[in-house]
Amino acid sequence: MSREAEHQYRQFEHESWELAAPHYADSFGTFTARFARPLLDAVGCSTGMRLLEVASGTGYITRVATTLGASAVGVDFSAAMISEATRRCPAATFLEADAESLPFEAESFDAVVIGFGVHHFPSPQRAVSDARRVLRIGGKLAFTVWSSSDNKLQQVQLDGMAEGGLRGSSLPMPPNGDISSIEACMRLLSEAGFALELSSARKVAIAIAIPSAQHLLDITSRSTARGAALIRAQPEEVMPAVVASIGKAMEPYASPDRKRYELPAVAILAVATRN
């Protein structure tokens, strides 16, 4: 894929996350935060570990790592995200940096974690390769991405939007393909230089409680990238039908008292060791 396409995609992602930064931690970030411990457990986060979080956003994973005793650093390409992370966790170190060109010497860290960032990178292969570069020999990388096949947290919105009449828009597509399956994650690790025999990927499912379809749509519209851009591109008059359609798609996941919906959020957790 051309560097021009990558540049356009990166610009879109950067602008999107700058807008989302003030809202992310208290909205969509409450969903992704549920996967922080499985990610940190995968690299054996513990006292004294030198840990790097790439695409750190508002810094939740970095903050949890510090409570586990790690010496943690978070990097993100969004200045607004770095500002928010620093405000929320002033004791940790956060730096504005490009995931594809990390500002660290080789073998600087015992572990690198990337929580739901890889599928947003213009070049995932370059980013994961650079994460490998800054890992010590024997160090671990772990990342999470959403699973495309069974992540109902996402699917109910896509189904509801389609049925409700949400029209398509000219959003840029990931220039280097989709990464939302175990096979794609394993292939990415191999392309980035990790040995397949020292790599693995598995699914992690966590039920997310949502009070209503409107709540889910509101969170998406103020604290995501592609979803928010898609919603902003729609005529206001179609939105009531969209909310109704999302509510219909959520019905199978209603709690017995019908006060909430328990949506299965499914991620792929990929782990590799540098040899």
Protein backbone atom coordinates (compact mmCIF):
# COMPACT_ATOMS: atom_id res chain seq x y z
CA MET A 1 0.00 0.00 0.00
CA SER A 2 1.25 3.50 -0.84
CA ARG A 3 2.67 5.80 1.79
CA GLU A 4 0.11 8.40 0.66
CA ALA A 5 -2.75 6.07 1.65
CA GLU A 6 -1.04 5.38 4.96
CA HIS A 7 -0.60 9.12 5.54
CA GLN A 8 -4.28 9.82 4.86
CA TYR A 9 -5.34 7.03 7.18
CA ARG A 10 -2.97 8.19 9.90
CA GLN A 11 -4.30 11.74 9.61
CA PHE A 12 -7.87 10.49 9.95
CA GLU A 13 -6.98 8.40 13.02
CA HIS A 14 -5.03 11.26 14.61
CA GLU A 15 -7.84 13.77 14.17
CA SER A 16 -10.38 11.26 15.48
CA TRP A 17 -8.48 10.47 18.66
CA GLU A 18 -7.71 14.12 19.34
CA LEU A 19 -11.48 14.68 19.39
CA ALA A 20 -12.17 11.59 21.49
CA ALA A 21 -9.48 12.21 24.12
CA PRO A 22 -11.56 14.24 26.64
CA HIS A 23 -14.33 11.63 26.63
CA TYR A 24 -12.60 8.29 26.08
CA ALA A 25 -11.67 7.22 29.63
CA ASP A 26 -15.19 7.62 30.98
CA SER A 27 -16.99 6.17 27.96
CA PHE A 28 -15.56 3.59 25.53
CA GLY A 29 -12.47 3.33 27.72
CA THR A 30 -14.60 1.69 30.41
CA PHE A 31 -15.09 -1.20 27.96
CA THR A 32 -11.46 -1.61 26.90
CA ALA A 33 -10.32 -1.29 30.53
CA ARG A 34 -11.90 -4.68 31.25
CA PHE A 35 -9.20 -6.30 29.11
CA ALA A 36 -6.26 -4.60 30.86
CA ARG A 37 -5.48 -7.35 33.36
CA PRO A 38 -5.54 -10.22 30.85
CA LEU A 39 -3.12 -8.18 28.72
CA LEU A 40 -0.77 -7.46 31.62
CA ASP A 41 -1.02 -11.01 32.96
CA ALA A 42 0.03 -12.28 29.51
CA VAL A 43 3.42 -10.54 29.86
CA GLY A 44 3.79 -11.39 33.55
CA CYS A 45 3.62 -7.79 34.74
CA SER A 46 5.23 -7.58 38.18
CA THR A 47 7.46 -5.53 40.46
CA GLY A 48 10.54 -4.14 38.78
CA MET A 49 9.47 -4.94 35.20
CA ARG A 50 10.31 -2.30 32.56
CA LEU A 51 7.06 -2.08 30.63
CA LEU A 52 6.06 0.00 27.62
CA GLU A 53 2.45 0.63 26.64
CA VAL A 54 2.10 1.63 22.98
CA ALA A 55 -1.04 3.55 21.92
CA SER A 56 -1.61 4.25 25.59
CA GLY A 57 -4.58 6.57 25.10
CA THR A 58 -5.69 7.95 28.45
CA GLY A 59 -3.20 5.66 30.21
CA TYR A 60 -5.35 3.12 32.03
CA ILE A 61 -3.12 0.12 31.31
CA THR A 62 -0.01 2.06 32.30
CA ARG A 63 -1.67 3.04 35.58
CA VAL A 64 -2.61 -0.57 36.36
CA ALA A 65 0.94 -1.69 35.54
CA THR A 66 2.35 0.80 38.03
CA THR A 67 0.04 -0.53 40.77
CA LEU A 68 1.52 -3.97 40.06
CA GLY A 69 4.99 -2.58 40.68
CA ALA A 70 6.20 -2.16 37.11
CA SER A 71 8.25 0.78 35.88
CA ALA A 72 5.83 1.74 33.10
CA VAL A 73 5.96 4.22 30.24
CA GLY A 74 3.06 5.04 27.92
CA VAL A 75 3.33 6.48 24.40
CA ASP A 76 0.63 7.75 22.06
CA PHE A 77 0.60 9.82 18.87
CA SER A 78 -2.19 12.07 20.18
CA ALA A 79 -1.07 15.04 22.26
CA ALA A 80 -4.59 15.32 23.67
CA MET A 81 -4.47 11.70 24.84
CA ILE A 82 -1.05 12.22 26.44
CA SER A 83 -2.36 15.31 28.25
CA GLU A 84 -5.35 13.37 29.55
CA ALA A 85 -3.19 10.41 30.63
CA THR A 86 -0.75 12.68 32.47
CA ARG A 87 -3.62 14.40 34.27
CA ARG A 88 -5.11 11.09 35.35
CA CYS A 89 -1.83 9.49 36.40
CA PRO A 90 0.82 12.16 37.14
CA ALA A 91 3.15 9.60 38.72
CA ALA A 92 3.61 7.72 35.43
CA THR A 93 5.61 8.76 32.36
CA PHE A 94 3.72 9.48 29.13
CA LEU A 95 5.33 10.57 25.86
CA GLU A 96 3.97 11.68 22.51
CA ALA A 97 5.46 9.26 19.97
CA ASP A 98 4.78 7.32 16.78
CA ALA A 99 4.17 3.59 17.28
CA GLU A 100 6.07 2.87 14.07
CA SER A 101 9.19 4.73 15.23
CA LEU A 102 9.54 4.45 18.99
CA PRO A 103 12.00 6.86 20.66
CA PHE A 104 13.83 4.18 22.65
CA GLU A 105 17.06 2.23 22.33
CA ALA A 106 16.97 -1.44 21.36
CA GLU A 107 16.23 -3.87 24.19
CA SER A 108 15.00 -1.13 26.55
CA PHE A 109 11.98 -3.00 27.94
CA ASP A 110 11.05 -6.33 29.48
CA ALA A 111 7.53 -6.16 28.03
CA VAL A 112 5.49 -4.20 25.51
CA VAL A 113 1.68 -4.12 25.56
CA ILE A 114 -0.75 -2.62 23.04
CA GLY A 115 -4.39 -2.51 24.07
CA PHE A 116 -6.69 -2.22 21.03
CA GLY A 117 -4.21 -0.10 19.08
CA VAL A 118 -2.75 -2.44 16.47
CA HIS A 119 -5.83 -2.39 14.22
CA HIS A 120 -5.67 1.42 14.16
CA PHE A 121 -2.05 1.66 12.96
CA PRO A 122 -1.44 2.61 9.30
CA SER A 123 1.28 -0.08 9.20
CA PRO A 124 0.76 -2.69 11.93
CA GLN A 125 3.78 -4.64 10.71
CA ARG A 126 6.15 -1.69 11.18
CA ALA A 127 4.69 -0.93 14.60
CA VAL A 128 4.96 -4.50 15.87
CA SER A 129 8.46 -4.79 14.40
CA ASP A 130 9.54 -1.70 16.31
CA ALA A 131 7.94 -3.05 19.48
CA ARG A 132 10.09 -6.15 18.99
CA ARG A 133 13.18 -3.96 18.55
CA VAL A 134 12.77 -2.30 21.95
CA LEU A 135 12.18 -5.65 23.72
CA ARG A 136 15.03 -7.41 25.45
CA ILE A 137 15.81 -10.97 24.42
CA GLY A 138 13.25 -13.13 26.20
CA GLY A 139 10.90 -10.18 26.65
CA LYS A 140 7.21 -10.46 25.82
CA LEU A 141 4.86 -8.53 23.56
CA ALA A 142 1.10 -8.75 24.01
CA PHE A 143 -1.66 -6.96 22.13
CA THR A 144 -5.44 -7.06 21.87
CA VAL A 145 -7.66 -6.43 18.84
CA TRP A 146 -11.40 -6.87 18.45
CA SER A 147 -12.58 -10.16 16.97
CA SER A 148 -14.68 -9.60 13.86
CA SER A 149 -16.59 -12.88 13.96
CA ASP A 150 -18.25 -12.85 17.39
CA ASN A 151 -17.80 -9.46 19.08
CA LYS A 152 -21.44 -8.61 19.78
CA LEU A 153 -20.52 -5.27 21.35
CA GLN A 154 -19.64 -4.14 17.84
CA GLN A 155 -21.97 -6.35 15.82
CA VAL A 156 -25.23 -5.12 17.36
CA GLN A 157 -24.30 -1.60 16.33
CA LEU A 158 -23.35 -2.58 12.79
CA ASP A 159 -26.55 -4.60 12.37
CA GLY A 160 -28.69 -1.87 13.88
CA MET A 161 -27.07 0.86 11.82
CA ALA A 162 -27.59 -1.10 8.61
CA GLU A 163 -31.23 -1.87 9.39
CA GLY A 164 -31.89 1.67 10.60
CA GLY A 165 -30.81 3.19 7.32
CA LEU A 166 -27.40 4.55 8.18
CA ARG A 167 -25.78 5.39 4.89
CA GLY A 168 -22.15 4.70 4.08
CA SER A 169 -19.53 7.39 4.09
CA SER A 170 -16.11 7.91 2.56
CA LEU A 171 -14.13 6.87 5.63
CA PRO A 172 -10.59 5.73 4.84
CA MET A 173 -10.07 1.98 5.17
CA PRO A 174 -7.07 0.46 6.97
CA PRO A 175 -4.44 0.60 4.21
CA ASN A 176 -2.74 -2.65 5.20
CA GLY A 177 -5.79 -4.82 5.70
CA ASP A 178 -7.95 -5.93 8.59
CA ILE A 179 -6.53 -7.59 11.71
CA SER A 180 -9.46 -9.19 13.48
CA SER A 181 -8.83 -12.93 13.48
CA ILE A 182 -6.43 -15.29 15.23
CA GLU A 183 -4.86 -16.16 11.87
CA ALA A 184 -4.26 -12.49 11.01
CA CYS A 185 -2.67 -11.84 14.41
CA MET A 186 -0.34 -14.82 14.10
CA ARG A 187 0.63 -13.77 10.59
CA LEU A 188 1.38 -10.24 11.81
CA LEU A 189 3.64 -11.54 14.59
CA SER A 190 5.54 -13.67 12.08
CA GLU A 191 5.92 -10.79 9.62
CA ALA A 192 7.25 -8.61 12.45
CA GLY A 193 10.03 -11.10 13.21
CA PHE A 194 8.60 -13.16 16.07
CA ALA A 195 9.02 -16.93 15.91
CA LEU A 196 5.69 -18.72 15.53
CA GLU A 197 6.72 -21.41 18.03
CA LEU A 198 7.08 -18.64 20.64
CA SER A 199 3.78 -16.95 19.72
CA SER A 200 0.12 -17.60 20.45
CA ALA A 201 -3.29 -15.99 20.06
CA ARG A 202 -6.58 -16.74 21.77
CA LYS A 203 -9.98 -15.16 22.30
CA VAL A 204 -11.02 -13.41 25.50
CA ALA A 205 -14.73 -12.74 26.08
CA ILE A 206 -16.08 -10.34 28.70
CA ALA A 207 -19.73 -9.35 29.18
CA ILE A 208 -20.25 -5.58 29.03
CA ALA A 209 -23.34 -4.13 30.74
CA ILE A 210 -25.13 -1.49 28.64
CA PRO A 211 -28.25 0.29 29.93
CA SER A 212 -29.74 1.15 26.53
CA ALA A 213 -29.18 1.39 22.79
CA GLN A 214 -28.99 5.18 23.05
CA HIS A 215 -26.24 4.88 25.65
CA LEU A 216 -24.19 2.61 23.39
CA LEU A 217 -24.63 4.94 20.42
CA ASP A 218 -23.70 7.99 22.52
CA ILE A 219 -20.50 6.33 23.71
CA THR A 220 -19.57 5.36 20.16
CA SER A 221 -20.25 8.84 18.81
CA ARG A 222 -18.05 10.69 21.31
CA SER A 223 -15.16 8.32 22.01
CA THR A 224 -14.28 6.18 18.98
CA ALA A 225 -12.70 6.82 15.58
CA ARG A 226 -14.52 5.14 12.68
CA GLY A 227 -17.84 4.69 14.50
CA ALA A 228 -17.97 8.34 15.54
CA ALA A 229 -17.07 9.56 12.06
CA LEU A 230 -19.78 7.37 10.55
CA ILE A 231 -22.41 8.69 12.94
CA ARG A 232 -21.38 12.31 12.37
CA ALA A 233 -21.84 11.81 8.62
CA GLN A 234 -25.53 10.88 8.98
CA PRO A 235 -28.61 13.10 8.60
CA GLU A 236 -30.16 13.79 12.00
CA GLU A 237 -33.54 12.49 10.90
CA VAL A 238 -32.33 8.87 10.51
CA MET A 239 -30.98 8.58 14.04
CA PRO A 240 -34.25 7.62 15.85
CA ALA A 241 -34.62 4.67 13.48
CA VAL A 242 -31.00 3.72 14.05
CA VAL A 243 -31.44 3.75 17.84
CA ALA A 244 -34.56 1.60 17.51
CA SER A 245 -32.76 -0.87 15.27
CA ILE A 246 -29.78 -1.14 17.62
CA GLY A 247 -32.21 -1.74 20.49
CA LYS A 248 -33.80 -4.55 18.50
CA ALA A 249 -30.39 -6.12 17.84
CA MET A 250 -29.61 -5.93 21.59
CA GLU A 251 -32.83 -7.69 22.67
CA PRO A 252 -31.31 -11.22 22.85
CA TYR A 253 -28.86 -9.92 25.46
CA ALA A 254 -31.38 -8.29 27.83
CA SER A 255 -31.03 -9.11 31.52
CA PRO A 256 -33.95 -10.94 33.21
CA ASP A 257 -35.18 -7.67 34.77
CA ARG A 258 -34.65 -5.89 31.41
CA LYS A 259 -32.77 -3.07 33.11
CA ARG A 260 -29.59 -3.66 31.11
CA TYR A 261 -28.08 -5.65 28.27
CA GLU A 262 -25.10 -7.99 28.73
CA LEU A 263 -23.21 -7.76 25.44
CA PRO A 264 -20.35 -10.23 24.86
CA ALA A 265 -17.24 -8.22 23.97
CA VAL A 266 -14.74 -10.55 22.32
CA ALA A 267 -11.09 -9.68 21.79
CA ILE A 268 -8.11 -11.58 20.44
CA LEU A 269 -5.12 -11.61 22.77
CA ALA A 270 -1.87 -12.22 20.92
CA VAL A 271 1.38 -12.91 22.78
CA ALA A 272 4.94 -13.41 21.58
CA THR A 273 8.41 -13.79 23.07
CA ARG A 274 11.46 -12.22 21.48
CA ASN A 275 14.24 -14.71 20.74
